[in-house]
Amino acid sequence: MIVKKATVTTYGKTAYTTLKGICKLHKAIIITDKTKGSKIFYWVHTAISNTKKNYLNKFCCKYNWRYFGIKLFFRLVVAVILTVWYKPCT
């Protein structure tokens, strides 16, 4: 959803040409140097990265639940018991 009064800044891709009729101002930034793109669109890259990370975590959780089912709780207990949580004395 875009408010008609909004100013939208995007990459210079042709997919965004329809924004001219939707928002007040569309700024298309065309970047040839890839290192500058990550500086200009820092928060966009951060949001996409976080989305990918959360999706991967959700996928792993669903996969583990499907594969182990009810045994998942017991596997967690075994992992906690067998893991050394302290530094051994020397």
PDB file of N, CA and C in Angstrom:
ATOM      1  N   MET A   1       0.849  -1.171   0.000  1.00  0.00           N
ATOM      2  CA  MET A   1       0.000   0.000   0.000  1.00  0.00           C
ATOM      3  C   MET A   1       0.896   1.237   0.000  1.00  0.00           C
ATOM      4  N   ILE A   2       0.615   2.127  -0.890  1.00  0.00           N
ATOM      5  CA  ILE A   2       1.369   3.370  -0.984  1.00  0.00           C
ATOM      6  C   ILE A   2       0.381   4.535  -0.945  1.00  0.00           C
ATOM      7  N   VAL A   3       0.653   5.476  -0.072  1.00  0.00           N
ATOM      8  CA  VAL A   3      -0.183   6.671   0.026  1.00  0.00           C
ATOM      9  C   VAL A   3       0.098   7.557  -1.187  1.00  0.00           C
ATOM     10  N   LYS A   4      -0.909   8.213  -1.707  1.00  0.00           N
ATOM     11  CA  LYS A   4      -0.735   9.039  -2.905  1.00  0.00           C
ATOM     12  C   LYS A   4       0.231  10.204  -2.694  1.00  0.00           C
ATOM     13  N   LYS A   5       0.402  10.635  -1.436  1.00  0.00           N
ATOM     14  CA  LYS A   5       1.308  11.741  -1.133  1.00  0.00           C
ATOM     15  C   LYS A   5       2.753  11.277  -0.961  1.00  0.00           C
ATOM     16  N   ALA A   6       3.004   9.983  -1.039  1.00  0.00           N
ATOM     17  CA  ALA A   6       4.319   9.423  -0.714  1.00  0.00           C
ATOM     18  C   ALA A   6       5.364   9.729  -1.780  1.00  0.00           C
ATOM     19  N   THR A   7       6.606   9.802  -1.304  1.00  0.00           N
ATOM     20  CA  THR A   7       7.767   9.858  -2.181  1.00  0.00           C
ATOM     21  C   THR A   7       8.459   8.508  -2.067  1.00  0.00           C
ATOM     22  N   VAL A   8       8.607   7.807  -3.181  1.00  0.00           N
ATOM     23  CA  VAL A   8       9.153   6.460  -3.183  1.00  0.00           C
ATOM     24  C   VAL A   8      10.501   6.468  -3.889  1.00  0.00           C
ATOM     25  N   THR A   9      11.493   5.890  -3.232  1.00  0.00           N
ATOM     26  CA  THR A   9      12.832   5.776  -3.809  1.00  0.00           C
ATOM     27  C   THR A   9      13.101   4.303  -4.076  1.00  0.00           C
ATOM     28  N   THR A  10      13.455   3.973  -5.319  1.00  0.00           N
ATOM     29  CA  THR A  10      13.692   2.584  -5.701  1.00  0.00           C
ATOM     30  C   THR A  10      14.921   2.484  -6.591  1.00  0.00           C
ATOM     31  N   TYR A  11      15.256   1.243  -6.904  1.00  0.00           N
ATOM     32  CA  TYR A  11      16.253   0.994  -7.944  1.00  0.00           C
ATOM     33  C   TYR A  11      15.636   1.401  -9.268  1.00  0.00           C
ATOM     34  N   GLY A  12      16.451   1.551 -10.269  1.00  0.00           N
ATOM     35  CA  GLY A  12      15.946   1.971 -11.572  1.00  0.00           C
ATOM     36  C   GLY A  12      15.467   0.821 -12.429  1.00  0.00           C
ATOM     37  N   LYS A  13      14.723  -0.107 -11.874  1.00  0.00           N
ATOM     38  CA  LYS A  13      14.209  -1.250 -12.637  1.00  0.00           C
ATOM     39  C   LYS A  13      12.909  -0.873 -13.329  1.00  0.00           C
ATOM     40  N   THR A  14      12.640  -1.513 -14.456  1.00  0.00           N
ATOM     41  CA  THR A  14      11.429  -1.197 -15.219  1.00  0.00           C
ATOM     42  C   THR A  14      10.158  -1.642 -14.505  1.00  0.00           C
ATOM     43  N   ALA A  15      10.258  -2.544 -13.545  1.00  0.00           N
ATOM     44  CA  ALA A  15       9.084  -3.004 -12.811  1.00  0.00           C
ATOM     45  C   ALA A  15       8.456  -1.887 -11.990  1.00  0.00           C
ATOM     46  N   TYR A  16       9.221  -0.843 -11.691  1.00  0.00           N
ATOM     47  CA  TYR A  16       8.713   0.247 -10.856  1.00  0.00           C
ATOM     48  C   TYR A  16       8.140   1.406 -11.659  1.00  0.00           C
ATOM     49  N   THR A  17       8.038   1.286 -12.969  1.00  0.00           N
ATOM     50  CA  THR A  17       7.533   2.399 -13.781  1.00  0.00           C
ATOM     51  C   THR A  17       6.063   2.698 -13.489  1.00  0.00           C
ATOM     52  N   THR A  18       5.311   1.729 -12.992  1.00  0.00           N
ATOM     53  CA  THR A  18       3.896   1.961 -12.681  1.00  0.00           C
ATOM     54  C   THR A  18       3.705   2.844 -11.448  1.00  0.00           C
ATOM     55  N   LEU A  19       4.757   3.083 -10.689  1.00  0.00           N
ATOM     56  CA  LEU A  19       4.644   3.930  -9.499  1.00  0.00           C
ATOM     57  C   LEU A  19       4.348   5.382  -9.840  1.00  0.00           C
ATOM     58  N   LYS A  20       4.659   5.808 -11.050  1.00  0.00           N
ATOM     59  CA  LYS A  20       4.405   7.199 -11.442  1.00  0.00           C
ATOM     60  C   LYS A  20       2.942   7.576 -11.272  1.00  0.00           C
ATOM     61  N   GLY A  21       2.046   6.678 -11.566  1.00  0.00           N
ATOM     62  CA  GLY A  21       0.627   6.969 -11.446  1.00  0.00           C
ATOM     63  C   GLY A  21       0.062   6.735 -10.051  1.00  0.00           C
ATOM     64  N   ILE A  22       0.832   6.114  -9.180  1.00  0.00           N
ATOM     65  CA  ILE A  22       0.335   5.749  -7.852  1.00  0.00           C
ATOM     66  C   ILE A  22       0.767   6.736  -6.776  1.00  0.00           C
ATOM     67  N   CYS A  23       2.028   7.147  -6.794  1.00  0.00           N
ATOM     68  CA  CYS A  23       2.543   8.013  -5.731  1.00  0.00           C
ATOM     69  C   CYS A  23       2.845   9.410  -6.273  1.00  0.00           C
ATOM     70  N   LYS A  24       3.087  10.330  -5.354  1.00  0.00           N
ATOM     71  CA  LYS A  24       3.353  11.728  -5.720  1.00  0.00           C
ATOM     72  C   LYS A  24       4.670  11.862  -6.468  1.00  0.00           C
ATOM     73  N   LEU A  25       5.724  11.225  -5.928  1.00  0.00           N
ATOM     74  CA  LEU A  25       7.039  11.341  -6.535  1.00  0.00           C
ATOM     75  C   LEU A  25       7.760  10.010  -6.473  1.00  0.00           C
ATOM     76  N   HIS A  26       8.298   9.601  -7.598  1.00  0.00           N
ATOM     77  CA  HIS A  26       9.070   8.369  -7.665  1.00  0.00           C
ATOM     78  C   HIS A  26      10.494   8.713  -8.072  1.00  0.00           C
ATOM     79  N   LYS A  27      11.433   8.452  -7.149  1.00  0.00           N
ATOM     80  CA  LYS A  27      12.846   8.686  -7.422  1.00  0.00           C
ATOM     81  C   LYS A  27      13.493   7.347  -7.753  1.00  0.00           C
ATOM     82  N   ALA A  28      13.967   7.206  -8.963  1.00  0.00           N
ATOM     83  CA  ALA A  28      14.650   5.985  -9.372  1.00  0.00           C
ATOM     84  C   ALA A  28      16.150   6.248  -9.347  1.00  0.00           C
ATOM     85  N   ILE A  29      16.861   5.492  -8.556  1.00  0.00           N
ATOM     86  CA  ILE A  29      18.307   5.642  -8.458  1.00  0.00           C
ATOM     87  C   ILE A  29      18.952   4.481  -9.202  1.00  0.00           C
ATOM     88  N   ILE A  30      19.683   4.808 -10.242  1.00  0.00           N
ATOM     89  CA  ILE A  30      20.373   3.786 -11.026  1.00  0.00           C
ATOM     90  C   ILE A  30      21.825   3.766 -10.588  1.00  0.00           C
ATOM     91  N   ILE A  31      22.255   2.625 -10.099  1.00  0.00           N
ATOM     92  CA  ILE A  31      23.596   2.489  -9.550  1.00  0.00           C
ATOM     93  C   ILE A  31      24.378   1.465 -10.377  1.00  0.00           C
ATOM     94  N   THR A  32      25.498   1.901 -10.905  1.00  0.00           N
ATOM     95  CA  THR A  32      26.328   0.972 -11.672  1.00  0.00           C
ATOM     96  C   THR A  32      27.371   0.294 -10.779  1.00  0.00           C
ATOM     97  N   ASP A  33      27.794   0.992  -9.729  1.00  0.00           N
ATOM     98  CA  ASP A  33      28.767   0.431  -8.792  1.00  0.00           C
ATOM     99  C   ASP A  33      28.024  -0.281  -7.656  1.00  0.00           C
ATOM    100  N   LYS A  34      28.181  -1.596  -7.571  1.00  0.00           N
ATOM    101  CA  LYS A  34      27.434  -2.391  -6.581  1.00  0.00           C
ATOM    102  C   LYS A  34      27.784  -2.028  -5.143  1.00  0.00           C
ATOM    103  N   THR A  35      28.975  -1.548  -4.862  1.00  0.00           N
ATOM    104  CA  THR A  35      29.346  -1.205  -3.486  1.00  0.00           C
ATOM    105  C   THR A  35      28.585   0.026  -2.999  1.00  0.00           C
ATOM    106  N   LYS A  36      28.247   0.924  -3.887  1.00  0.00           N
ATOM    107  CA  LYS A  36      27.471   2.110  -3.504  1.00  0.00           C
ATOM    108  C   LYS A  36      26.019   1.755  -3.221  1.00  0.00           C
ATOM    109  N   GLY A  37      25.504   0.742  -3.890  1.00  0.00           N
ATOM    110  CA  GLY A  37      24.112   0.327  -3.697  1.00  0.00           C
ATOM    111  C   GLY A  37      23.835  -0.120  -2.274  1.00  0.00           C
ATOM    112  N   SER A  38      24.771  -0.841  -1.690  1.00  0.00           N
ATOM    113  CA  SER A  38      24.557  -1.314  -0.322  1.00  0.00           C
ATOM    114  C   SER A  38      24.615  -0.167   0.683  1.00  0.00           C
ATOM    115  N   LYS A  39      25.269   0.921   0.346  1.00  0.00           N
ATOM    116  CA  LYS A  39      25.309   2.080   1.236  1.00  0.00           C
ATOM    117  C   LYS A  39      24.032   2.907   1.117  1.00  0.00           C
ATOM    118  N   ILE A  40      23.540   3.078  -0.093  1.00  0.00           N
ATOM    119  CA  ILE A  40      22.351   3.892  -0.316  1.00  0.00           C
ATOM    120  C   ILE A  40      21.103   3.172   0.195  1.00  0.00           C
ATOM    121  N   PHE A  41      20.997   1.890  -0.095  1.00  0.00           N
ATOM    122  CA  PHE A  41      19.826   1.105   0.294  1.00  0.00           C
ATOM    123  C   PHE A  41      20.153   0.189   1.466  1.00  0.00           C
ATOM    124  N   TYR A  42      20.836   0.707   2.464  1.00  0.00           N
ATOM    125  CA  TYR A  42      21.273  -0.099   3.612  1.00  0.00           C
ATOM    126  C   TYR A  42      20.103  -0.780   4.314  1.00  0.00           C
ATOM    127  N   TRP A  43      19.050  -0.025   4.605  1.00  0.00           N
ATOM    128  CA  TRP A  43      17.918  -0.589   5.349  1.00  0.00           C
ATOM    129  C   TRP A  43      17.116  -1.568   4.514  1.00  0.00           C
ATOM    130  N   VAL A  44      17.098  -1.371   3.215  1.00  0.00           N
ATOM    131  CA  VAL A  44      16.411  -2.325   2.341  1.00  0.00           C
ATOM    132  C   VAL A  44      17.133  -3.668   2.389  1.00  0.00           C
ATOM    133  N   HIS A  45      18.452  -3.621   2.274  1.00  0.00           N
ATOM    134  CA  HIS A  45      19.242  -4.850   2.329  1.00  0.00           C
ATOM    135  C   HIS A  45      19.125  -5.517   3.700  1.00  0.00           C
ATOM    136  N   THR A  46      19.082  -4.716   4.750  1.00  0.00           N
ATOM    137  CA  THR A  46      18.938  -5.261   6.110  1.00  0.00           C
ATOM    138  C   THR A  46      17.590  -5.958   6.261  1.00  0.00           C
ATOM    139  N   ALA A  47      16.528  -5.326   5.779  1.00  0.00           N
ATOM    140  CA  ALA A  47      15.191  -5.918   5.889  1.00  0.00           C
ATOM    141  C   ALA A  47      15.095  -7.224   5.105  1.00  0.00           C
ATOM    142  N   ILE A  48      15.646  -7.243   3.900  1.00  0.00           N
ATOM    143  CA  ILE A  48      15.616  -8.462   3.086  1.00  0.00           C
ATOM    144  C   ILE A  48      16.431  -9.560   3.747  1.00  0.00           C
ATOM    145  N   SER A  49      17.578  -9.207   4.281  1.00  0.00           N
ATOM    146  CA  SER A  49      18.425 -10.187   4.964  1.00  0.00           C
ATOM    147  C   SER A  49      17.715 -10.781   6.178  1.00  0.00           C
ATOM    148  N   ASN A  50      17.063  -9.936   6.971  1.00  0.00           N
ATOM    149  CA  ASN A  50      16.338 -10.420   8.145  1.00  0.00           C
ATOM    150  C   ASN A  50      15.168 -11.318   7.745  1.00  0.00           C
ATOM    151  N   THR A  51      14.503 -10.965   6.659  1.00  0.00           N
ATOM    152  CA  THR A  51      13.393 -11.785   6.177  1.00  0.00           C
ATOM    153  C   THR A  51      13.881 -13.162   5.768  1.00  0.00           C
ATOM    154  N   LYS A  52      14.995 -13.203   5.042  1.00  0.00           N
ATOM    155  CA  LYS A  52      15.562 -14.493   4.636  1.00  0.00           C
ATOM    156  C   LYS A  52      15.946 -15.314   5.855  1.00  0.00           C
ATOM    157  N   LYS A  53      16.553 -14.666   6.827  1.00  0.00           N
ATOM    158  CA  LYS A  53      16.999 -15.371   8.036  1.00  0.00           C
ATOM    159  C   LYS A  53      15.801 -15.940   8.790  1.00  0.00           C
ATOM    160  N   ASN A  54      14.739 -15.129   8.967  1.00  0.00           N
ATOM    161  CA  ASN A  54      13.551 -15.592   9.682  1.00  0.00           C
ATOM    162  C   ASN A  54      12.865 -16.725   8.930  1.00  0.00           C
ATOM    163  N   TYR A  55      12.837 -16.630   7.602  1.00  0.00           N
ATOM    164  CA  TYR A  55      12.219 -17.683   6.804  1.00  0.00           C
ATOM    165  C   TYR A  55      13.001 -18.982   6.963  1.00  0.00           C
ATOM    166  N   LEU A  56      14.319 -18.890   6.954  1.00  0.00           N
ATOM    167  CA  LEU A  56      15.151 -20.073   7.104  1.00  0.00           C
ATOM    168  C   LEU A  56      14.956 -20.698   8.485  1.00  0.00           C
ATOM    169  N   ASN A  57      14.875 -19.879   9.526  1.00  0.00           N
ATOM    170  CA  ASN A  57      14.627 -20.396  10.874  1.00  0.00           C
ATOM    171  C   ASN A  57      13.279 -21.111  10.946  1.00  0.00           C
ATOM    172  N   LYS A  58      12.263 -20.528  10.338  1.00  0.00           N
ATOM    173  CA  LYS A  58      10.931 -21.136  10.344  1.00  0.00           C
ATOM    174  C   LYS A  58      10.952 -22.452   9.578  1.00  0.00           C
ATOM    175  N   PHE A  59      11.654 -22.473   8.452  1.00  0.00           N
ATOM    176  CA  PHE A  59      11.753 -23.691   7.657  1.00  0.00           C
ATOM    177  C   PHE A  59      12.433 -24.800   8.452  1.00  0.00           C
ATOM    178  N   CYS A  60      13.537 -24.468   9.128  1.00  0.00           N
ATOM    179  CA  CYS A  60      14.257 -25.470   9.928  1.00  0.00           C
ATOM    180  C   CYS A  60      13.378 -26.008  11.054  1.00  0.00           C
ATOM    181  N   CYS A  61      12.645 -25.129  11.687  1.00  0.00           N
ATOM    182  CA  CYS A  61      11.756 -25.550  12.776  1.00  0.00           C
ATOM    183  C   CYS A  61      10.675 -26.498  12.257  1.00  0.00           C
ATOM    184  N   LYS A  62      10.043 -26.145  11.145  1.00  0.00           N
ATOM    185  CA  LYS A  62       9.002 -26.999  10.577  1.00  0.00           C
ATOM    186  C   LYS A  62       9.577 -28.331  10.104  1.00  0.00           C
ATOM    187  N   TYR A  63      10.761 -28.284   9.518  1.00  0.00           N
ATOM    188  CA  TYR A  63      11.400 -29.520   9.051  1.00  0.00           C
ATOM    189  C   TYR A  63      11.705 -30.438  10.228  1.00  0.00           C
ATOM    190  N   ASN A  64      12.284 -29.872  11.275  1.00  0.00           N
ATOM    191  CA  ASN A  64      12.606 -30.689  12.444  1.00  0.00           C
ATOM    192  C   ASN A  64      11.348 -31.277  13.074  1.00  0.00           C
ATOM    193  N   TRP A  65      10.293 -30.496  13.148  1.00  0.00           N
ATOM    194  CA  TRP A  65       9.058 -30.994  13.747  1.00  0.00           C
ATOM    195  C   TRP A  65       8.477 -32.121  12.897  1.00  0.00           C
ATOM    196  N   ARG A  66       8.517 -31.956  11.586  1.00  0.00           N
ATOM    197  CA  ARG A  66       7.979 -32.982  10.695  1.00  0.00           C
ATOM    198  C   ARG A  66       8.808 -34.258  10.773  1.00  0.00           C
ATOM    199  N   TYR A  67      10.130 -34.099  10.865  1.00  0.00           N
ATOM    200  CA  TYR A  67      11.018 -35.252  10.858  1.00  0.00           C
ATOM    201  C   TYR A  67      11.009 -35.984  12.195  1.00  0.00           C
ATOM    202  N   PHE A  68      11.061 -35.234  13.304  1.00  0.00           N
ATOM    203  CA  PHE A  68      11.164 -35.858  14.622  1.00  0.00           C
ATOM    204  C   PHE A  68       9.813 -35.976  15.335  1.00  0.00           C
ATOM    205  N   GLY A  69       8.883 -35.089  15.021  1.00  0.00           N
ATOM    206  CA  GLY A  69       7.565 -35.147  15.639  1.00  0.00           C
ATOM    207  C   GLY A  69       7.633 -35.018  17.146  1.00  0.00           C
ATOM    208  N   ILE A  70       6.999 -35.944  17.830  1.00  0.00           N
ATOM    209  CA  ILE A  70       6.919 -35.912  19.288  1.00  0.00           C
ATOM    210  C   ILE A  70       8.284 -36.150  19.937  1.00  0.00           C
ATOM    211  N   LYS A  71       9.217 -36.753  19.209  1.00  0.00           N
ATOM    212  CA  LYS A  71      10.551 -37.031  19.748  1.00  0.00           C
ATOM    213  C   LYS A  71      11.389 -35.758  19.870  1.00  0.00           C
ATOM    214  N   LEU A  72      10.933 -34.663  19.288  1.00  0.00           N
ATOM    215  CA  LEU A  72      11.708 -33.426  19.284  1.00  0.00           C
ATOM    216  C   LEU A  72      12.005 -32.926  20.695  1.00  0.00           C
ATOM    217  N   PHE A  73      11.037 -33.009  21.589  1.00  0.00           N
ATOM    218  CA  PHE A  73      11.253 -32.576  22.967  1.00  0.00           C
ATOM    219  C   PHE A  73      12.349 -33.417  23.628  1.00  0.00           C
ATOM    220  N   PHE A  74      12.297 -34.720  23.437  1.00  0.00           N
ATOM    221  CA  PHE A  74      13.285 -35.605  24.056  1.00  0.00           C
ATOM    222  C   PHE A  74      14.673 -35.386  23.461  1.00  0.00           C
ATOM    223  N   ARG A  75      14.734 -35.074  22.183  1.00  0.00           N
ATOM    224  CA  ARG A  75      16.033 -34.758  21.558  1.00  0.00           C
ATOM    225  C   ARG A  75      16.609 -33.477  22.164  1.00  0.00           C
ATOM    226  N   LEU A  76      15.752 -32.507  22.460  1.00  0.00           N
ATOM    227  CA  LEU A  76      16.192 -31.275  23.097  1.00  0.00           C
ATOM    228  C   LEU A  76      16.748 -31.559  24.495  1.00  0.00           C
ATOM    229  N   VAL A  77      16.051 -32.399  25.251  1.00  0.00           N
ATOM    230  CA  VAL A  77      16.512 -32.758  26.595  1.00  0.00           C
ATOM    231  C   VAL A  77      17.876 -33.443  26.524  1.00  0.00           C
ATOM    232  N   VAL A  78      18.040 -34.368  25.603  1.00  0.00           N
ATOM    233  CA  VAL A  78      19.322 -35.059  25.444  1.00  0.00           C
ATOM    234  C   VAL A  78      20.416 -34.069  25.056  1.00  0.00           C
ATOM    235  N   ALA A  79      20.114 -33.141  24.157  1.00  0.00           N
ATOM    236  CA  ALA A  79      21.108 -32.141  23.735  1.00  0.00           C
ATOM    237  C   ALA A  79      21.539 -31.275  24.908  1.00  0.00           C
ATOM    238  N   VAL A  80      20.600 -30.908  25.780  1.00  0.00           N
ATOM    239  CA  VAL A  80      20.922 -30.079  26.941  1.00  0.00           C
ATOM    240  C   VAL A  80      21.773 -30.867  27.935  1.00  0.00           C
ATOM    241  N   ILE A  81      21.439 -32.115  28.142  1.00  0.00           N
ATOM    242  CA  ILE A  81      22.167 -32.942  29.116  1.00  0.00           C
ATOM    243  C   ILE A  81      23.582 -33.242  28.639  1.00  0.00           C
ATOM    244  N   LEU A  82      23.749 -33.529  27.359  1.00  0.00           N
ATOM    245  CA  LEU A  82      25.048 -33.941  26.842  1.00  0.00           C
ATOM    246  C   LEU A  82      25.978 -32.771  26.523  1.00  0.00           C
ATOM    247  N   THR A  83      25.459 -31.558  26.510  1.00  0.00           N
ATOM    248  CA  THR A  83      26.277 -30.386  26.175  1.00  0.00           C
ATOM    249  C   THR A  83      26.990 -29.891  27.425  1.00  0.00           C
ATOM    250  N   VAL A  84      28.291 -29.622  27.275  1.00  0.00           N
ATOM    251  CA  VAL A  84      29.073 -29.072  28.405  1.00  0.00           C
ATOM    252  C   VAL A  84      28.822 -27.577  28.446  1.00  0.00           C
ATOM    253  N   TRP A  85      28.212 -27.089  29.525  1.00  0.00           N
ATOM    254  CA  TRP A  85      27.849 -25.683  29.667  1.00  0.00           C
ATOM    255  C   TRP A  85      28.849 -24.900  30.485  1.00  0.00           C
ATOM    256  N   TYR A  86      29.920 -25.533  30.864  1.00  0.00           N
ATOM    257  CA  TYR A  86      30.907 -24.864  31.692  1.00  0.00           C
ATOM    258  C   TYR A  86      32.295 -25.159  31.148  1.00  0.00           C
ATOM    259  N   LYS A  87      33.243 -24.361  31.572  1.00  0.00           N
ATOM    260  CA  LYS A  87      34.611 -24.558  31.156  1.00  0.00           C
ATOM    261  C   LYS A  87      35.272 -25.485  32.168  1.00  0.00           C
ATOM    262  N   PRO A  88      35.818 -26.619  31.720  1.00  0.00           N
ATOM    263  CA  PRO A  88      36.451 -27.550  32.659  1.00  0.00           C
ATOM    264  C   PRO A  88      37.648 -26.898  33.378  1.00  0.00           C
ATOM    265  N   CYS A  89      37.838 -27.272  34.637  1.00  0.00           N
ATOM    266  CA  CYS A  89      38.977 -26.780  35.410  1.00  0.00           C
ATOM    267  C   CYS A  89      40.257 -27.416  34.886  1.00  0.00           C
ATOM    268  N   THR A  90      41.304 -26.628  34.845  1.00  0.00           N
ATOM    269  CA  THR A  90      42.583 -27.186  34.373  1.00  0.00           C
ATOM    270  C   THR A  90      43.581 -27.257  35.508  1.00  0.00           C
TER     271      THR A  90
END
